[in-house]
């Protein structure tokens, strides 16, 4: 069970980081108010994707902190 948790959390961290990077790639930048109003659907999609990737990143960092905690306990205490 412990190994599958670590593997799954690593996959989630990778997938969440990939989604966050893709979010930054498709996020529209700047322009006038008319341009921003015209790209409303792109803004909504990119921000929705950013919110969607947050649980994956959180679970991945939970697994990473567990691995680092085990490392500290094993080697330093």
C-alpha atoms as a PDB file:
ATOM      1  CA  UNK A   1       0.000   0.000   0.000  1.00  0.00           C
ATOM      2  CA  UNK A   2       2.796   2.418   0.880  1.00  0.00           C
ATOM      3  CA  UNK A   3       4.564   1.914  -2.454  1.00  0.00           C
ATOM      4  CA  UNK A   4       1.371   2.408  -4.444  1.00  0.00           C
ATOM      5  CA  UNK A   5       0.684   5.664  -2.534  1.00  0.00           C
ATOM      6  CA  UNK A   6       4.149   6.949  -3.399  1.00  0.00           C
ATOM      7  CA  UNK A   7       3.809   5.923  -7.031  1.00  0.00           C
ATOM      8  CA  UNK A   8       0.354   7.437  -7.383  1.00  0.00           C
ATOM      9  CA  UNK A   9       1.403  10.667  -5.698  1.00  0.00           C
ATOM     10  CA  UNK A  10       4.402  10.929  -8.025  1.00  0.00           C
ATOM     11  CA  UNK A  11       2.183  10.430 -11.057  1.00  0.00           C
ATOM     12  CA  UNK A  12      -0.266  13.030  -9.727  1.00  0.00           C
ATOM     13  CA  UNK A  13       2.531  15.542  -9.141  1.00  0.00           C
ATOM     14  CA  UNK A  14       3.812  15.017 -12.680  1.00  0.00           C
ATOM     15  CA  UNK A  15       0.308  15.231 -14.198  1.00  0.00           C
ATOM     16  CA  UNK A  16      -0.595  18.332 -12.166  1.00  0.00           C
ATOM     17  CA  UNK A  17       2.651  20.047 -13.121  1.00  0.00           C
ATOM     18  CA  UNK A  18       2.055  19.212 -16.769  1.00  0.00           C
ATOM     19  CA  UNK A  19      -1.480  20.631 -16.566  1.00  0.00           C
ATOM     20  CA  UNK A  20      -0.197  23.791 -14.865  1.00  0.00           C
ATOM     21  CA  UNK A  21       2.395  24.241 -17.622  1.00  0.00           C
ATOM     22  CA  UNK A  22      -0.237  23.738 -20.319  1.00  0.00           C
ATOM     23  CA  UNK A  23      -2.433  26.264 -18.515  1.00  0.00           C
ATOM     24  CA  UNK A  24       0.308  28.870 -18.759  1.00  0.00           C
ATOM     25  CA  UNK A  25       0.823  28.065 -22.441  1.00  0.00           C
ATOM     26  CA  UNK A  26      -2.822  28.608 -23.405  1.00  0.00           C
ATOM     27  CA  UNK A  27      -3.478  31.563 -21.088  1.00  0.00           C
ATOM     28  CA  UNK A  28      -4.091  34.728 -23.133  1.00  0.00           C
ATOM     29  CA  UNK A  29      -2.049  37.782 -22.204  1.00  0.00           C
ATOM     30  CA  UNK A  30      -2.688  41.502 -22.194  1.00  0.00           C
ATOM     31  CA  UNK A  31      -4.469  43.663 -24.684  1.00  0.00           C
ATOM     32  CA  UNK A  32      -7.167  46.244 -24.482  1.00  0.00           C
ATOM     33  CA  UNK A  33     -10.471  45.725 -22.703  1.00  0.00           C
ATOM     34  CA  UNK A  34     -12.079  44.836 -26.011  1.00  0.00           C
ATOM     35  CA  UNK A  35      -9.481  42.138 -26.659  1.00  0.00           C
ATOM     36  CA  UNK A  36      -9.948  40.736 -23.171  1.00  0.00           C
ATOM     37  CA  UNK A  37     -13.737  40.664 -23.579  1.00  0.00           C
ATOM     38  CA  UNK A  38     -13.309  38.916 -26.926  1.00  0.00           C
ATOM     39  CA  UNK A  39     -11.140  36.165 -25.376  1.00  0.00           C
ATOM     40  CA  UNK A  40     -13.505  35.488 -22.466  1.00  0.00           C
ATOM     41  CA  UNK A  41     -13.902  31.786 -23.278  1.00  0.00           C
ATOM     42  CA  UNK A  42     -10.119  31.277 -23.434  1.00  0.00           C
ATOM     43  CA  UNK A  43      -9.759  32.955 -20.035  1.00  0.00           C
ATOM     44  CA  UNK A  44     -12.520  30.805 -18.555  1.00  0.00           C
ATOM     45  CA  UNK A  45     -11.034  27.595 -19.952  1.00  0.00           C
ATOM     46  CA  UNK A  46      -7.480  28.359 -18.809  1.00  0.00           C
ATOM     47  CA  UNK A  47      -8.550  29.342 -15.297  1.00  0.00           C
ATOM     48  CA  UNK A  48     -10.817  26.307 -15.047  1.00  0.00           C
ATOM     49  CA  UNK A  49      -7.916  24.077 -16.045  1.00  0.00           C
ATOM     50  CA  UNK A  50      -5.727  25.755 -13.418  1.00  0.00           C
ATOM     51  CA  UNK A  51      -8.292  25.042 -10.713  1.00  0.00           C
ATOM     52  CA  UNK A  52      -8.648  21.456 -12.000  1.00  0.00           C
ATOM     53  CA  UNK A  53      -4.896  20.777 -11.620  1.00  0.00           C
ATOM     54  CA  UNK A  54      -4.673  21.984  -7.985  1.00  0.00           C
ATOM     55  CA  UNK A  55      -5.848  18.723  -6.312  1.00  0.00           C
ATOM     56  CA  UNK A  56      -3.320  16.731  -8.363  1.00  0.00           C
ATOM     57  CA  UNK A  57      -0.492  19.031  -7.315  1.00  0.00           C
ATOM     58  CA  UNK A  58      -1.616  19.000  -3.669  1.00  0.00           C
ATOM     59  CA  UNK A  59      -1.779  15.194  -3.559  1.00  0.00           C
ATOM     60  CA  UNK A  60       1.600  14.968  -5.288  1.00  0.00           C
ATOM     61  CA  UNK A  61       3.237  17.282  -2.769  1.00  0.00           C
ATOM     62  CA  UNK A  62       1.622  15.334   0.067  1.00  0.00           C
ATOM     63  CA  UNK A  63       3.352  12.210  -1.242  1.00  0.00           C
ATOM     64  CA  UNK A  64       6.621  14.101  -1.727  1.00  0.00           C
ATOM     65  CA  UNK A  65       6.501  15.396   1.844  1.00  0.00           C
ATOM     66  CA  UNK A  66       5.866  11.840   3.059  1.00  0.00           C
ATOM     67  CA  UNK A  67       8.924  10.578   1.171  1.00  0.00           C
ATOM     68  CA  UNK A  68      11.082  13.417   2.482  1.00  0.00           C
ATOM     69  CA  UNK A  69       9.839  12.827   6.026  1.00  0.00           C
ATOM     70  CA  UNK A  70      10.760   9.136   5.782  1.00  0.00           C
ATOM     71  CA  UNK A  71      14.174  10.125   4.459  1.00  0.00           C
ATOM     72  CA  UNK A  72      14.800  12.501   7.357  1.00  0.00           C
ATOM     73  CA  UNK A  73      13.609   9.971   9.943  1.00  0.00           C
ATOM     74  CA  UNK A  74      15.756   7.207   8.428  1.00  0.00           C
ATOM     75  CA  UNK A  75      19.022   9.084   8.004  1.00  0.00           C
ATOM     76  CA  UNK A  76      19.044  11.880  10.548  1.00  0.00           C
ATOM     77  CA  UNK A  77      17.256  10.576  13.634  1.00  0.00           C
END
